[in-house]
Amino acid sequence: MGLKPKGKGRLESKAISEELIEQAILLRREVPSRSIAQIIQILEWEGKAGPGEIKRSTLQEKLSERGYSSRQMRIY
């Protein structure tokens, strides 16, 4: 019989909520030069996200997918 590998299964998604992404987009549109770190800090200060809840890389990816990366915002 022996040992069988235990599958990891599906890990619970810890994706950023749609509401937080919308708030981040508003902050980026307000000041296009605002960094991801600054956006996260503002969301945490305003109590919209807990400390460490939003990962920089994830938010950067989500903003980029929607056309709000810093590179895409330079056009405006």
N, C-alpha and C. Protein backbone atom coordinates (compact mmCIF):
# COMPACT_ATOMS: atom_id res chain seq x y z
N MET A 1 0.84 -1.19 0.00
CA MET A 1 0.00 0.00 0.00
C MET A 1 0.89 1.25 0.00
N GLY A 2 1.59 1.54 1.06
CA GLY A 2 2.52 2.66 1.09
C GLY A 2 1.85 4.02 1.28
N LEU A 3 2.69 5.03 1.31
CA LEU A 3 2.20 6.39 1.47
C LEU A 3 1.76 6.97 0.14
N LYS A 4 0.72 7.76 0.19
CA LYS A 4 0.23 8.41 -1.03
C LYS A 4 0.39 9.92 -0.85
N PRO A 5 0.79 10.61 -1.89
CA PRO A 5 0.92 12.07 -1.76
C PRO A 5 -0.44 12.71 -1.51
N LYS A 6 -0.44 13.64 -0.61
CA LYS A 6 -1.67 14.36 -0.31
C LYS A 6 -1.76 15.56 -1.24
N GLY A 7 -2.84 15.66 -1.98
CA GLY A 7 -3.03 16.79 -2.88
C GLY A 7 -3.25 18.07 -2.10
N LYS A 8 -2.83 19.17 -2.68
CA LYS A 8 -3.01 20.45 -2.01
C LYS A 8 -4.43 20.97 -2.17
N GLY A 9 -5.15 20.42 -3.15
CA GLY A 9 -6.50 20.90 -3.37
C GLY A 9 -6.46 22.33 -3.89
N ARG A 10 -7.57 22.94 -3.97
CA ARG A 10 -7.63 24.33 -4.41
C ARG A 10 -7.45 25.23 -3.20
N LEU A 11 -6.45 26.06 -3.27
CA LEU A 11 -6.25 27.03 -2.19
C LEU A 11 -7.31 28.11 -2.31
N GLU A 12 -7.75 28.59 -1.19
CA GLU A 12 -8.76 29.63 -1.19
C GLU A 12 -8.20 30.88 -1.85
N SER A 13 -8.96 31.43 -2.76
CA SER A 13 -8.51 32.62 -3.47
C SER A 13 -8.48 33.82 -2.53
N LYS A 14 -7.39 34.54 -2.57
CA LYS A 14 -7.27 35.74 -1.73
C LYS A 14 -7.20 36.96 -2.64
N ALA A 15 -7.96 36.90 -3.71
CA ALA A 15 -7.95 37.98 -4.69
C ALA A 15 -8.46 39.28 -4.06
N ILE A 16 -8.01 40.37 -4.61
CA ILE A 16 -8.46 41.69 -4.16
C ILE A 16 -9.91 41.86 -4.61
N SER A 17 -10.75 42.37 -3.73
CA SER A 17 -12.16 42.56 -4.08
C SER A 17 -12.30 43.59 -5.20
N GLU A 18 -13.36 43.45 -5.95
CA GLU A 18 -13.64 44.36 -7.07
C GLU A 18 -13.76 45.80 -6.55
N GLU A 19 -14.34 45.96 -5.38
CA GLU A 19 -14.51 47.30 -4.78
C GLU A 19 -13.16 47.95 -4.51
N LEU A 20 -12.21 47.17 -3.99
CA LEU A 20 -10.87 47.72 -3.72
C LEU A 20 -10.16 48.09 -5.01
N ILE A 21 -10.34 47.29 -6.04
CA ILE A 21 -9.72 47.60 -7.33
C ILE A 21 -10.30 48.90 -7.88
N GLU A 22 -11.61 49.07 -7.77
CA GLU A 22 -12.25 50.30 -8.24
C GLU A 22 -11.71 51.51 -7.47
N GLN A 23 -11.55 51.37 -6.15
CA GLN A 23 -11.00 52.46 -5.34
C GLN A 23 -9.57 52.79 -5.77
N ALA A 24 -8.79 51.75 -6.04
CA ALA A 24 -7.40 51.94 -6.48
C ALA A 24 -7.37 52.67 -7.83
N ILE A 25 -8.28 52.31 -8.72
CA ILE A 25 -8.36 52.98 -10.03
C ILE A 25 -8.70 54.45 -9.85
N LEU A 26 -9.64 54.75 -8.97
CA LEU A 26 -9.99 56.15 -8.71
C LEU A 26 -8.78 56.93 -8.19
N LEU A 27 -8.03 56.32 -7.29
CA LEU A 27 -6.83 56.98 -6.75
C LEU A 27 -5.79 57.20 -7.84
N ARG A 28 -5.62 56.23 -8.73
CA ARG A 28 -4.64 56.35 -9.82
C ARG A 28 -5.09 57.42 -10.81
N ARG A 29 -6.40 57.47 -11.11
CA ARG A 29 -6.91 58.47 -12.06
C ARG A 29 -6.79 59.88 -11.48
N GLU A 30 -6.98 59.98 -10.17
CA GLU A 30 -6.88 61.27 -9.48
C GLU A 30 -5.46 61.84 -9.62
N VAL A 31 -4.45 60.99 -9.40
CA VAL A 31 -3.04 61.38 -9.53
C VAL A 31 -2.33 60.25 -10.28
N PRO A 32 -2.22 60.36 -11.61
CA PRO A 32 -1.63 59.28 -12.42
C PRO A 32 -0.21 58.86 -12.02
N SER A 33 0.54 59.76 -11.40
CA SER A 33 1.92 59.43 -11.01
C SER A 33 1.99 58.70 -9.67
N ARG A 34 0.85 58.50 -9.03
CA ARG A 34 0.81 57.84 -7.72
C ARG A 34 1.30 56.39 -7.85
N SER A 35 2.19 55.99 -6.96
CA SER A 35 2.74 54.63 -7.03
C SER A 35 1.77 53.62 -6.43
N ILE A 36 2.00 52.35 -6.74
CA ILE A 36 1.18 51.27 -6.18
C ILE A 36 1.29 51.28 -4.65
N ALA A 37 2.50 51.48 -4.14
CA ALA A 37 2.71 51.52 -2.69
C ALA A 37 1.90 52.65 -2.06
N GLN A 38 1.86 53.82 -2.71
CA GLN A 38 1.09 54.95 -2.19
C GLN A 38 -0.41 54.64 -2.22
N ILE A 39 -0.87 54.00 -3.29
CA ILE A 39 -2.29 53.64 -3.40
C ILE A 39 -2.67 52.68 -2.27
N ILE A 40 -1.83 51.68 -2.04
CA ILE A 40 -2.10 50.71 -0.97
C ILE A 40 -2.12 51.41 0.38
N GLN A 41 -1.16 52.31 0.60
CA GLN A 41 -1.08 53.03 1.87
C GLN A 41 -2.35 53.86 2.11
N ILE A 42 -2.82 54.54 1.08
CA ILE A 42 -4.03 55.35 1.20
C ILE A 42 -5.23 54.46 1.53
N LEU A 43 -5.36 53.34 0.82
CA LEU A 43 -6.48 52.42 1.08
C LEU A 43 -6.43 51.89 2.52
N GLU A 44 -5.23 51.64 3.03
CA GLU A 44 -5.09 51.17 4.42
C GLU A 44 -5.43 52.29 5.40
N TRP A 45 -4.95 53.50 5.13
CA TRP A 45 -5.24 54.65 6.01
C TRP A 45 -6.74 54.92 6.08
N GLU A 46 -7.42 54.77 4.94
CA GLU A 46 -8.86 55.04 4.90
C GLU A 46 -9.68 53.89 5.47
N GLY A 47 -9.01 52.82 5.89
CA GLY A 47 -9.70 51.68 6.48
C GLY A 47 -10.40 50.79 5.47
N LYS A 48 -10.09 50.96 4.20
CA LYS A 48 -10.73 50.14 3.15
C LYS A 48 -10.02 48.81 2.98
N ALA A 49 -8.81 48.70 3.50
CA ALA A 49 -8.04 47.46 3.44
C ALA A 49 -7.22 47.34 4.72
N GLY A 50 -7.07 46.12 5.19
CA GLY A 50 -6.26 45.88 6.37
C GLY A 50 -4.78 45.93 6.02
N PRO A 51 -3.92 46.21 7.00
CA PRO A 51 -2.48 46.23 6.74
C PRO A 51 -2.00 44.90 6.17
N GLY A 52 -1.31 44.97 5.05
CA GLY A 52 -0.78 43.77 4.42
C GLY A 52 -1.80 42.96 3.62
N GLU A 53 -3.04 43.43 3.58
CA GLU A 53 -4.09 42.69 2.86
C GLU A 53 -3.88 42.72 1.35
N ILE A 54 -3.40 43.86 0.85
CA ILE A 54 -3.20 44.02 -0.59
C ILE A 54 -1.72 43.86 -0.90
N LYS A 55 -1.42 42.95 -1.80
CA LYS A 55 -0.03 42.76 -2.24
C LYS A 55 0.24 43.67 -3.43
N ARG A 56 1.41 44.29 -3.42
CA ARG A 56 1.78 45.23 -4.48
C ARG A 56 1.69 44.59 -5.85
N SER A 57 2.25 43.40 -6.00
CA SER A 57 2.28 42.75 -7.31
C SER A 57 0.88 42.43 -7.83
N THR A 58 -0.01 42.03 -6.93
CA THR A 58 -1.37 41.69 -7.34
C THR A 58 -2.11 42.94 -7.79
N LEU A 59 -2.00 44.02 -7.02
CA LEU A 59 -2.69 45.26 -7.39
C LEU A 59 -2.13 45.80 -8.70
N GLN A 60 -0.82 45.73 -8.85
CA GLN A 60 -0.18 46.20 -10.08
C GLN A 60 -0.72 45.43 -11.29
N GLU A 61 -0.85 44.12 -11.14
CA GLU A 61 -1.37 43.27 -12.21
C GLU A 61 -2.82 43.63 -12.54
N LYS A 62 -3.64 43.84 -11.51
CA LYS A 62 -5.06 44.16 -11.71
C LYS A 62 -5.23 45.52 -12.40
N LEU A 63 -4.44 46.51 -12.00
CA LEU A 63 -4.53 47.83 -12.63
C LEU A 63 -4.07 47.76 -14.08
N SER A 64 -3.02 47.01 -14.32
CA SER A 64 -2.50 46.86 -15.68
C SER A 64 -3.53 46.19 -16.59
N GLU A 65 -4.21 45.16 -16.08
CA GLU A 65 -5.24 44.46 -16.86
C GLU A 65 -6.35 45.41 -17.30
N ARG A 66 -6.61 46.43 -16.47
CA ARG A 66 -7.70 47.37 -16.76
C ARG A 66 -7.22 48.65 -17.46
N GLY A 67 -5.92 48.70 -17.78
CA GLY A 67 -5.39 49.85 -18.50
C GLY A 67 -4.95 51.00 -17.61
N TYR A 68 -4.68 50.72 -16.33
CA TYR A 68 -4.29 51.78 -15.40
C TYR A 68 -2.90 51.58 -14.82
N SER A 69 -2.01 50.92 -15.56
CA SER A 69 -0.63 50.81 -15.08
C SER A 69 0.02 52.18 -15.22
N SER A 70 1.13 52.41 -14.54
CA SER A 70 1.79 53.72 -14.63
C SER A 70 2.21 54.00 -16.06
N ARG A 71 2.64 52.98 -16.78
CA ARG A 71 3.05 53.15 -18.18
C ARG A 71 1.84 53.56 -19.04
N GLN A 72 0.71 52.92 -18.83
CA GLN A 72 -0.48 53.24 -19.61
C GLN A 72 -1.04 54.62 -19.25
N MET A 73 -0.83 55.05 -18.02
CA MET A 73 -1.35 56.34 -17.57
C MET A 73 -0.52 57.51 -18.09
N ARG A 74 0.72 57.26 -18.53
CA ARG A 74 1.56 58.35 -19.04
C ARG A 74 0.96 59.00 -20.28
N ILE A 75 0.09 58.30 -20.95
CA ILE A 75 -0.55 58.82 -22.16
C ILE A 75 -1.43 60.02 -21.83
N TYR A 76 -2.02 60.02 -20.62
CA TYR A 76 -3.00 61.05 -20.26
C TYR A 76 -2.39 62.30 -19.71
